[in-house]
């Protein structure tokens, strides 16, 4: 059974991030966007304890379902992504969405 897509506003810290063939790439560390304007910029994805989180732009997100974010890229492309850097002050970071 396939899960129904959900809004980016529901993404939570710790959700699985997978590639197009289902390979696990990491987990959501932070969601970057402006909730007031409903603008989703991307995700900070933790790929392991000893690796710095990678920044995944929203254009690389293929589908969001409960508990999982599916990307358009596989492991090799994901490994080439830049490290996540703090957003500018004009962006809002939602590390924990449980208080919404």
PDB file of N, CA and C in Angstrom:
ATOM      1  N   UNK A   1       0.837  -1.174   0.000  1.00  0.00           N
ATOM      2  CA  UNK A   1       0.000   0.000   0.000  1.00  0.00           C
ATOM      3  C   UNK A   1       0.887   1.246   0.000  1.00  0.00           C
ATOM      4  N   UNK A   2       0.549   2.217  -0.825  1.00  0.00           N
ATOM      5  CA  UNK A   2       1.310   3.447  -0.943  1.00  0.00           C
ATOM      6  C   UNK A   2       0.708   4.514  -0.036  1.00  0.00           C
ATOM      7  N   UNK A   3       1.582   5.241   0.644  1.00  0.00           N
ATOM      8  CA  UNK A   3       1.130   6.326   1.516  1.00  0.00           C
ATOM      9  C   UNK A   3       0.793   7.552   0.687  1.00  0.00           C
ATOM     10  N   UNK A   4      -0.145   8.351   1.188  1.00  0.00           N
ATOM     11  CA  UNK A   4      -0.515   9.592   0.524  1.00  0.00           C
ATOM     12  C   UNK A   4       0.517  10.673   0.820  1.00  0.00           C
ATOM     13  N   UNK A   5       0.816  11.529  -0.154  1.00  0.00           N
ATOM     14  CA  UNK A   5       1.746  12.637   0.077  1.00  0.00           C
ATOM     15  C   UNK A   5       1.208  13.592   1.132  1.00  0.00           C
ATOM     16  N   UNK A   6       2.134  14.229   1.864  1.00  0.00           N
ATOM     17  CA  UNK A   6       1.770  15.214   2.867  1.00  0.00           C
ATOM     18  C   UNK A   6       2.544  16.507   2.598  1.00  0.00           C
ATOM     19  N   UNK A   7       2.152  17.575   3.243  1.00  0.00           N
ATOM     20  CA  UNK A   7       2.783  18.893   3.107  1.00  0.00           C
ATOM     21  C   UNK A   7       4.167  18.911   3.743  1.00  0.00           C
ATOM     22  N   UNK A   8       5.021  19.773   3.218  1.00  0.00           N
ATOM     23  CA  UNK A   8       6.357  19.956   3.804  1.00  0.00           C
ATOM     24  C   UNK A   8       6.270  20.453   5.235  1.00  0.00           C
ATOM     25  N   UNK A   9       5.162  21.091   5.587  1.00  0.00           N
ATOM     26  CA  UNK A   9       4.980  21.622   6.933  1.00  0.00           C
ATOM     27  C   UNK A   9       4.900  20.511   7.992  1.00  0.00           C
ATOM     28  N   UNK A  10       4.635  19.292   7.555  1.00  0.00           N
ATOM     29  CA  UNK A  10       4.522  18.173   8.489  1.00  0.00           C
ATOM     30  C   UNK A  10       5.836  17.436   8.717  1.00  0.00           C
ATOM     31  N   UNK A  11       6.873  17.744   7.922  1.00  0.00           N
ATOM     32  CA  UNK A  11       8.153  17.054   8.063  1.00  0.00           C
ATOM     33  C   UNK A  11       8.708  17.285   9.466  1.00  0.00           C
ATOM     34  N   UNK A  12       9.191  16.215  10.080  1.00  0.00           N
ATOM     35  CA  UNK A  12       9.732  16.296  11.437  1.00  0.00           C
ATOM     36  C   UNK A  12      11.173  15.811  11.475  1.00  0.00           C
ATOM     37  N   UNK A  13      11.885  16.304  12.466  1.00  0.00           N
ATOM     38  CA  UNK A  13      13.251  15.858  12.736  1.00  0.00           C
ATOM     39  C   UNK A  13      13.255  14.330  12.864  1.00  0.00           C
ATOM     40  N   UNK A  14      14.208  13.688  12.196  1.00  0.00           N
ATOM     41  CA  UNK A  14      14.332  12.237  12.308  1.00  0.00           C
ATOM     42  C   UNK A  14      13.649  11.436  11.221  1.00  0.00           C
ATOM     43  N   UNK A  15      12.817  12.086  10.390  1.00  0.00           N
ATOM     44  CA  UNK A  15      12.181  11.344   9.302  1.00  0.00           C
ATOM     45  C   UNK A  15      13.255  10.787   8.379  1.00  0.00           C
ATOM     46  N   UNK A  16      13.013   9.603   7.819  1.00  0.00           N
ATOM     47  CA  UNK A  16      13.943   8.982   6.885  1.00  0.00           C
ATOM     48  C   UNK A  16      13.982   9.759   5.579  1.00  0.00           C
ATOM     49  N   UNK A  17      15.179   9.839   4.996  1.00  0.00           N
ATOM     50  CA  UNK A  17      15.369  10.445   3.683  1.00  0.00           C
ATOM     51  C   UNK A  17      15.925   9.350   2.787  1.00  0.00           C
ATOM     52  N   UNK A  18      15.218   9.095   1.673  1.00  0.00           N
ATOM     53  CA  UNK A  18      15.597   8.001   0.784  1.00  0.00           C
ATOM     54  C   UNK A  18      15.764   8.493  -0.650  1.00  0.00           C
ATOM     55  N   UNK A  19      16.512   7.717  -1.425  1.00  0.00           N
ATOM     56  CA  UNK A  19      16.710   8.003  -2.835  1.00  0.00           C
ATOM     57  C   UNK A  19      15.591   7.410  -3.668  1.00  0.00           C
ATOM     58  N   UNK A  20      15.660   7.573  -4.998  1.00  0.00           N
ATOM     59  CA  UNK A  20      14.584   7.119  -5.882  1.00  0.00           C
ATOM     60  C   UNK A  20      14.351   5.611  -5.880  1.00  0.00           C
ATOM     61  N   UNK A  21      15.371   4.830  -5.564  1.00  0.00           N
ATOM     62  CA  UNK A  21      15.179   3.382  -5.529  1.00  0.00           C
ATOM     63  C   UNK A  21      14.986   2.863  -4.107  1.00  0.00           C
ATOM     64  N   UNK A  22      14.750   3.796  -3.167  1.00  0.00           N
ATOM     65  CA  UNK A  22      14.458   3.418  -1.793  1.00  0.00           C
ATOM     66  C   UNK A  22      15.663   3.310  -0.876  1.00  0.00           C
ATOM     67  N   UNK A  23      16.871   3.571  -1.415  1.00  0.00           N
ATOM     68  CA  UNK A  23      18.060   3.482  -0.567  1.00  0.00           C
ATOM     69  C   UNK A  23      18.040   4.596   0.473  1.00  0.00           C
ATOM     70  N   UNK A  24      18.374   4.248   1.712  1.00  0.00           N
ATOM     71  CA  UNK A  24      18.355   5.247   2.781  1.00  0.00           C
ATOM     72  C   UNK A  24      19.588   6.130   2.672  1.00  0.00           C
ATOM     73  N   UNK A  25      19.354   7.448   2.652  1.00  0.00           N
ATOM     74  CA  UNK A  25      20.433   8.420   2.529  1.00  0.00           C
ATOM     75  C   UNK A  25      20.748   9.104   3.849  1.00  0.00           C
ATOM     76  N   UNK A  26      19.798   9.138   4.750  1.00  0.00           N
ATOM     77  CA  UNK A  26      19.997   9.789   6.041  1.00  0.00           C
ATOM     78  C   UNK A  26      18.670  10.086   6.698  1.00  0.00           C
ATOM     79  N   UNK A  27      18.688  11.078   7.585  1.00  0.00           N
ATOM     80  CA  UNK A  27      17.456  11.483   8.267  1.00  0.00           C
ATOM     81  C   UNK A  27      17.399  13.002   8.345  1.00  0.00           C
ATOM     82  N   UNK A  28      16.193  13.521   8.437  1.00  0.00           N
ATOM     83  CA  UNK A  28      15.989  14.968   8.499  1.00  0.00           C
ATOM     84  C   UNK A  28      16.577  15.508   9.793  1.00  0.00           C
ATOM     85  N   UNK A  29      17.434  16.504   9.636  1.00  0.00           N
ATOM     86  CA  UNK A  29      18.008  17.189  10.782  1.00  0.00           C
ATOM     87  C   UNK A  29      17.250  18.494  11.027  1.00  0.00           C
ATOM     88  N   UNK A  30      17.028  19.244   9.939  1.00  0.00           N
ATOM     89  CA  UNK A  30      16.273  20.497  10.022  1.00  0.00           C
ATOM     90  C   UNK A  30      15.486  20.715   8.742  1.00  0.00           C
ATOM     91  N   UNK A  31      14.394  21.462   8.857  1.00  0.00           N
ATOM     92  CA  UNK A  31      13.601  21.884   7.710  1.00  0.00           C
ATOM     93  C   UNK A  31      13.838  23.372   7.541  1.00  0.00           C
ATOM     94  N   UNK A  32      14.151  23.795   6.312  1.00  0.00           N
ATOM     95  CA  UNK A  32      14.445  25.196   6.052  1.00  0.00           C
ATOM     96  C   UNK A  32      13.337  25.777   5.185  1.00  0.00           C
ATOM     97  N   UNK A  33      12.707  26.839   5.684  1.00  0.00           N
ATOM     98  CA  UNK A  33      11.640  27.476   4.932  1.00  0.00           C
ATOM     99  C   UNK A  33      10.991  28.580   5.739  1.00  0.00           C
ATOM    100  N   UNK A  34       9.986  29.178   5.158  1.00  0.00           N
ATOM    101  CA  UNK A  34       9.222  30.242   5.799  1.00  0.00           C
ATOM    102  C   UNK A  34       7.792  29.742   5.940  1.00  0.00           C
ATOM    103  N   UNK A  35       7.423  29.343   7.138  1.00  0.00           N
ATOM    104  CA  UNK A  35       6.091  28.785   7.354  1.00  0.00           C
ATOM    105  C   UNK A  35       5.002  29.816   7.135  1.00  0.00           C
ATOM    106  N   UNK A  36       5.275  31.078   7.450  1.00  0.00           N
ATOM    107  CA  UNK A  36       4.285  32.136   7.279  1.00  0.00           C
ATOM    108  C   UNK A  36       3.909  32.352   5.821  1.00  0.00           C
ATOM    109  N   UNK A  37       4.870  32.194   4.932  1.00  0.00           N
ATOM    110  CA  UNK A  37       4.633  32.382   3.502  1.00  0.00           C
ATOM    111  C   UNK A  37       4.520  31.053   2.749  1.00  0.00           C
ATOM    112  N   UNK A  38       4.585  29.939   3.489  1.00  0.00           N
ATOM    113  CA  UNK A  38       4.512  28.594   2.911  1.00  0.00           C
ATOM    114  C   UNK A  38       5.556  28.405   1.805  1.00  0.00           C
ATOM    115  N   UNK A  39       6.800  28.770   2.133  1.00  0.00           N
ATOM    116  CA  UNK A  39       7.908  28.614   1.194  1.00  0.00           C
ATOM    117  C   UNK A  39       8.867  27.569   1.754  1.00  0.00           C
ATOM    118  N   UNK A  40       9.001  26.468   1.042  1.00  0.00           N
ATOM    119  CA  UNK A  40       9.892  25.368   1.425  1.00  0.00           C
ATOM    120  C   UNK A  40      11.195  25.520   0.661  1.00  0.00           C
ATOM    121  N   UNK A  41      12.296  25.777   1.387  1.00  0.00           N
ATOM    122  CA  UNK A  41      13.599  25.968   0.748  1.00  0.00           C
ATOM    123  C   UNK A  41      14.393  24.687   0.625  1.00  0.00           C
ATOM    124  N   UNK A  42      14.315  23.811   1.632  1.00  0.00           N
ATOM    125  CA  UNK A  42      15.077  22.575   1.577  1.00  0.00           C
ATOM    126  C   UNK A  42      15.202  21.924   2.936  1.00  0.00           C
ATOM    127  N   UNK A  43      16.142  20.978   3.009  1.00  0.00           N
ATOM    128  CA  UNK A  43      16.337  20.183   4.214  1.00  0.00           C
ATOM    129  C   UNK A  43      17.811  20.086   4.564  1.00  0.00           C
ATOM    130  N   UNK A  44      18.089  19.991   5.835  1.00  0.00           N
ATOM    131  CA  UNK A  44      19.400  19.577   6.312  1.00  0.00           C
ATOM    132  C   UNK A  44      19.244  18.097   6.627  1.00  0.00           C
ATOM    133  N   UNK A  45      20.094  17.271   5.984  1.00  0.00           N
ATOM    134  CA  UNK A  45      19.970  15.819   6.131  1.00  0.00           C
ATOM    135  C   UNK A  45      21.237  15.258   6.777  1.00  0.00           C
ATOM    136  N   UNK A  46      21.069  14.622   7.916  1.00  0.00           N
ATOM    137  CA  UNK A  46      22.182  13.975   8.610  1.00  0.00           C
ATOM    138  C   UNK A  46      22.392  12.598   8.002  1.00  0.00           C
ATOM    139  N   UNK A  47      23.620  12.332   7.556  1.00  0.00           N
ATOM    140  CA  UNK A  47      23.912  11.066   6.889  1.00  0.00           C
ATOM    141  C   UNK A  47      24.732  10.133   7.774  1.00  0.00           C
ATOM    142  N   UNK A  48      24.889  10.455   9.019  1.00  0.00           N
ATOM    143  CA  UNK A  48      25.644   9.606   9.934  1.00  0.00           C
ATOM    144  C   UNK A  48      26.232  10.441  11.055  1.00  0.00           C
ATOM    145  N   UNK A  49      26.629   9.784  12.132  1.00  0.00           N
ATOM    146  CA  UNK A  49      27.129  10.495  13.307  1.00  0.00           C
ATOM    147  C   UNK A  49      28.418  11.255  13.041  1.00  0.00           C
ATOM    148  N   UNK A  50      29.282  10.744  12.207  1.00  0.00           N
ATOM    149  CA  UNK A  50      30.577  11.378  11.973  1.00  0.00           C
ATOM    150  C   UNK A  50      30.600  12.265  10.738  1.00  0.00           C
ATOM    151  N   UNK A  51      29.474  12.407  10.073  1.00  0.00           N
ATOM    152  CA  UNK A  51      29.410  13.228   8.864  1.00  0.00           C
ATOM    153  C   UNK A  51      28.582  14.473   9.123  1.00  0.00           C
ATOM    154  N   UNK A  52      29.015  15.591   8.558  1.00  0.00           N
ATOM    155  CA  UNK A  52      28.254  16.836   8.680  1.00  0.00           C
ATOM    156  C   UNK A  52      26.980  16.725   7.839  1.00  0.00           C
ATOM    157  N   UNK A  53      25.887  17.339   8.296  1.00  0.00           N
ATOM    158  CA  UNK A  53      24.646  17.296   7.515  1.00  0.00           C
ATOM    159  C   UNK A  53      24.831  17.926   6.131  1.00  0.00           C
ATOM    160  N   UNK A  54      24.094  17.415   5.161  1.00  0.00           N
ATOM    161  CA  UNK A  54      24.107  17.922   3.790  1.00  0.00           C
ATOM    162  C   UNK A  54      22.852  18.760   3.578  1.00  0.00           C
ATOM    163  N   UNK A  55      22.972  19.785   2.724  1.00  0.00           N
ATOM    164  CA  UNK A  55      21.813  20.606   2.395  1.00  0.00           C
ATOM    165  C   UNK A  55      21.191  20.081   1.105  1.00  0.00           C
ATOM    166  N   UNK A  56      19.907  19.739   1.185  1.00  0.00           N
ATOM    167  CA  UNK A  56      19.154  19.262   0.028  1.00  0.00           C
ATOM    168  C   UNK A  56      18.149  20.346  -0.355  1.00  0.00           C
ATOM    169  N   UNK A  57      18.318  20.987  -1.526  1.00  0.00           N
ATOM    170  CA  UNK A  57      17.345  21.998  -1.954  1.00  0.00           C
ATOM    171  C   UNK A  57      15.979  21.370  -2.216  1.00  0.00           C
ATOM    172  N   UNK A  58      14.939  22.145  -2.023  1.00  0.00           N
ATOM    173  CA  UNK A  58      13.571  21.629  -2.179  1.00  0.00           C
ATOM    174  C   UNK A  58      13.322  21.052  -3.572  1.00  0.00           C
ATOM    175  N   UNK A  59      14.029  21.551  -4.579  1.00  0.00           N
ATOM    176  CA  UNK A  59      13.845  21.049  -5.953  1.00  0.00           C
ATOM    177  C   UNK A  59      14.244  19.580  -6.089  1.00  0.00           C
ATOM    178  N   UNK A  60      15.027  19.065  -5.137  1.00  0.00           N
ATOM    179  CA  UNK A  60      15.461  17.672  -5.177  1.00  0.00           C
ATOM    180  C   UNK A  60      14.514  16.730  -4.421  1.00  0.00           C
ATOM    181  N   UNK A  61      13.472  17.297  -3.821  1.00  0.00           N
ATOM    182  CA  UNK A  61      12.490  16.485  -3.089  1.00  0.00           C
ATOM    183  C   UNK A  61      11.410  16.042  -4.061  1.00  0.00           C
ATOM    184  N   UNK A  62      11.293  14.733  -4.237  1.00  0.00           N
ATOM    185  CA  UNK A  62      10.315  14.181  -5.166  1.00  0.00           C
ATOM    186  C   UNK A  62       8.950  13.989  -4.510  1.00  0.00           C
ATOM    187  N   UNK A  63       8.959  13.545  -3.252  1.00  0.00           N
ATOM    188  CA  UNK A  63       7.702  13.182  -2.596  1.00  0.00           C
ATOM    189  C   UNK A  63       7.903  13.201  -1.089  1.00  0.00           C
ATOM    190  N   UNK A  64       6.879  13.622  -0.379  1.00  0.00           N
ATOM    191  CA  UNK A  64       6.892  13.620   1.082  1.00  0.00           C
ATOM    192  C   UNK A  64       5.696  12.792   1.538  1.00  0.00           C
ATOM    193  N   UNK A  65       5.972  11.745   2.300  1.00  0.00           N
ATOM    194  CA  UNK A  65       4.911  10.937   2.890  1.00  0.00           C
ATOM    195  C   UNK A  65       5.193  10.843   4.391  1.00  0.00           C
ATOM    196  N   UNK A  66       4.213  10.446   5.148  1.00  0.00           N
ATOM    197  CA  UNK A  66       4.355  10.380   6.602  1.00  0.00           C
ATOM    198  C   UNK A  66       5.601   9.576   6.982  1.00  0.00           C
ATOM    199  N   UNK A  67       6.557  10.246   7.635  1.00  0.00           N
ATOM    200  CA  UNK A  67       7.757   9.586   8.130  1.00  0.00           C
ATOM    201  C   UNK A  67       8.896   9.452   7.140  1.00  0.00           C
ATOM    202  N   UNK A  68       8.712   9.916   5.887  1.00  0.00           N
ATOM    203  CA  UNK A  68       9.743   9.706   4.863  1.00  0.00           C
ATOM    204  C   UNK A  68       9.741  10.816   3.815  1.00  0.00           C
ATOM    205  N   UNK A  69      10.944  11.235   3.429  1.00  0.00           N
ATOM    206  CA  UNK A  69      11.117  12.199   2.353  1.00  0.00           C
ATOM    207  C   UNK A  69      11.875  11.476   1.239  1.00  0.00           C
ATOM    208  N   UNK A  70      11.284  11.466   0.044  1.00  0.00           N
ATOM    209  CA  UNK A  70      11.904  10.806  -1.099  1.00  0.00           C
ATOM    210  C   UNK A  70      12.551  11.852  -1.995  1.00  0.00           C
ATOM    211  N   UNK A  71      13.831  11.633  -2.324  1.00  0.00           N
ATOM    212  CA  UNK A  71      14.572  12.561  -3.165  1.00  0.00           C
ATOM    213  C   UNK A  71      14.639  12.067  -4.606  1.00  0.00           C
ATOM    214  N   UNK A  72      15.000  12.965  -5.506  1.00  0.00           N
ATOM    215  CA  UNK A  72      15.178  12.611  -6.916  1.00  0.00           C
ATOM    216  C   UNK A  72      16.588  12.110  -7.177  1.00  0.00           C
ATOM    217  N   UNK A  73      17.464  12.158  -6.186  1.00  0.00           N
ATOM    218  CA  UNK A  73      18.869  11.788  -6.364  1.00  0.00           C
ATOM    219  C   UNK A  73      19.227  10.542  -5.569  1.00  0.00           C
ATOM    220  N   UNK A  74      20.211   9.822  -6.083  1.00  0.00           N
ATOM    221  CA  UNK A  74      20.717   8.643  -5.400  1.00  0.00           C
ATOM    222  C   UNK A  74      21.906   8.966  -4.513  1.00  0.00           C
ATOM    223  N   UNK A  75      22.540   7.926  -4.005  1.00  0.00           N
ATOM    224  CA  UNK A  75      23.646   8.069  -3.051  1.00  0.00           C
ATOM    225  C   UNK A  75      24.809   8.888  -3.611  1.00  0.00           C
ATOM    226  N   UNK A  76      25.236   8.633  -4.842  1.00  0.00           N
ATOM    227  CA  UNK A  76      26.397   9.336  -5.407  1.00  0.00           C
ATOM    228  C   UNK A  76      26.146  10.840  -5.494  1.00  0.00           C
ATOM    229  N   UNK A  77      24.957  11.227  -5.969  1.00  0.00           N
ATOM    230  CA  UNK A  77      24.626  12.653  -6.055  1.00  0.00           C
ATOM    231  C   UNK A  77      24.514  13.267  -4.666  1.00  0.00           C
ATOM    232  N   UNK A  78      23.905  12.534  -3.746  1.00  0.00           N
ATOM    233  CA  UNK A  78      23.750  13.023  -2.375  1.00  0.00           C
ATOM    234  C   UNK A  78      25.115  13.284  -1.741  1.00  0.00           C
ATOM    235  N   UNK A  79      26.069  12.381  -1.966  1.00  0.00           N
ATOM    236  CA  UNK A  79      27.401  12.530  -1.388  1.00  0.00           C
ATOM    237  C   UNK A  79      28.126  13.760  -1.923  1.00  0.00           C
ATOM    238  N   UNK A  80      27.742  14.237  -3.098  1.00  0.00           N
ATOM    239  CA  UNK A  80      28.379  15.418  -3.687  1.00  0.00           C
ATOM    240  C   UNK A  80      27.754  16.734  -3.214  1.00  0.00           C
ATOM    241  N   UNK A  81      26.646  16.666  -2.482  1.00  0.00           N
ATOM    242  CA  UNK A  81      26.009  17.884  -1.988  1.00  0.00           C
ATOM    243  C   UNK A  81      26.903  18.589  -0.981  1.00  0.00           C
ATOM    244  N   UNK A  82      26.756  19.911  -0.903  1.00  0.00           N
ATOM    245  CA  UNK A  82      27.521  20.692   0.060  1.00  0.00           C
ATOM    246  C   UNK A  82      27.007  20.488   1.474  1.00  0.00           C
ATOM    247  N   UNK A  83      27.867  20.819   2.419  1.00  0.00           N
ATOM    248  CA  UNK A  83      27.475  20.737   3.818  1.00  0.00           C
ATOM    249  C   UNK A  83      26.436  21.801   4.119  1.00  0.00           C
ATOM    250  N   UNK A  84      25.570  21.505   5.067  1.00  0.00           N
ATOM    251  CA  UNK A  84      24.535  22.448   5.466  1.00  0.00           C
ATOM    252  C   UNK A  84      25.177  23.615   6.208  1.00  0.00           C
ATOM    253  N   UNK A  85      24.780  24.824   5.837  1.00  0.00           N
ATOM    254  CA  UNK A  85      25.214  26.029   6.535  1.00  0.00           C
ATOM    255  C   UNK A  85      23.979  26.725   7.071  1.00  0.00           C
ATOM    256  N   UNK A  86      24.150  27.436   8.157  1.00  0.00           N
ATOM    257  CA  UNK A  86      23.025  28.152   8.759  1.00  0.00           C
ATOM    258  C   UNK A  86      22.397  29.081   7.731  1.00  0.00           C
ATOM    259  N   UNK A  87      21.070  29.135   7.680  1.00  0.00           N
ATOM    260  CA  UNK A  87      20.400  30.024   6.727  1.00  0.00           C
ATOM    261  C   UNK A  87      20.572  31.486   7.101  1.00  0.00           C
ATOM    262  N   UNK A  88      20.320  32.341   6.139  1.00  0.00           N
ATOM    263  CA  UNK A  88      20.376  33.771   6.419  1.00  0.00           C
ATOM    264  C   UNK A  88      19.243  34.143   7.367  1.00  0.00           C
ATOM    265  N   UNK A  89      19.312  35.308   7.941  1.00  0.00           N
ATOM    266  CA  UNK A  89      18.308  35.730   8.915  1.00  0.00           C
ATOM    267  C   UNK A  89      16.909  35.855   8.318  1.00  0.00           C
ATOM    268  N   UNK A  90      16.805  35.921   6.989  1.00  0.00           N
ATOM    269  CA  UNK A  90      15.495  36.045   6.359  1.00  0.00           C
ATOM    270  C   UNK A  90      14.778  34.702   6.250  1.00  0.00           C
ATOM    271  N   UNK A  91      15.487  33.614   6.563  1.00  0.00           N
ATOM    272  CA  UNK A  91      14.879  32.293   6.496  1.00  0.00           C
ATOM    273  C   UNK A  91      14.625  31.782   7.907  1.00  0.00           C
ATOM    274  N   UNK A  92      13.625  30.967   8.023  1.00  0.00           N
ATOM    275  CA  UNK A  92      13.274  30.394   9.318  1.00  0.00           C
ATOM    276  C   UNK A  92      13.647  28.920   9.304  1.00  0.00           C
ATOM    277  N   UNK A  93      14.286  28.452  10.349  1.00  0.00           N
ATOM    278  CA  UNK A  93      14.660  27.046  10.449  1.00  0.00           C
ATOM    279  C   UNK A  93      13.735  26.385  11.449  1.00  0.00           C
ATOM    280  N   UNK A  94      13.155  25.266  11.044  1.00  0.00           N
ATOM    281  CA  UNK A  94      12.279  24.506  11.932  1.00  0.00           C
ATOM    282  C   UNK A  94      12.947  23.185  12.256  1.00  0.00           C
ATOM    283  N   UNK A  95      13.658  23.135  13.364  1.00  0.00           N
ATOM    284  CA  UNK A  95      14.337  21.903  13.764  1.00  0.00           C
ATOM    285  C   UNK A  95      13.355  20.941  14.402  1.00  0.00           C
ATOM    286  N   UNK A  96      12.358  21.465  15.092  1.00  0.00           N
ATOM    287  CA  UNK A  96      11.384  20.635  15.787  1.00  0.00           C
ATOM    288  C   UNK A  96      10.001  21.183  15.482  1.00  0.00           C
ATOM    289  N   UNK A  97       9.195  20.402  14.821  1.00  0.00           N
ATOM    290  CA  UNK A  97       7.878  20.873  14.418  1.00  0.00           C
ATOM    291  C   UNK A  97       6.766  20.364  15.330  1.00  0.00           C
ATOM    292  N   UNK A  98       7.117  19.731  16.442  1.00  0.00           N
ATOM    293  CA  UNK A  98       6.076  19.169  17.288  1.00  0.00           C
ATOM    294  C   UNK A  98       5.247  20.216  18.006  1.00  0.00           C
ATOM    295  N   UNK A  99       5.725  21.470  18.048  1.00  0.00           N
ATOM    296  CA  UNK A  99       4.991  22.525  18.750  1.00  0.00           C
ATOM    297  C   UNK A  99       4.038  23.291  17.840  1.00  0.00           C
ATOM    298  N   UNK A 100       3.911  22.890  16.580  1.00  0.00           N
ATOM    299  CA  UNK A 100       3.030  23.615  15.650  1.00  0.00           C
ATOM    300  C   UNK A 100       1.579  23.424  15.970  1.00  0.00           C
TER     301      UNK A 100
END
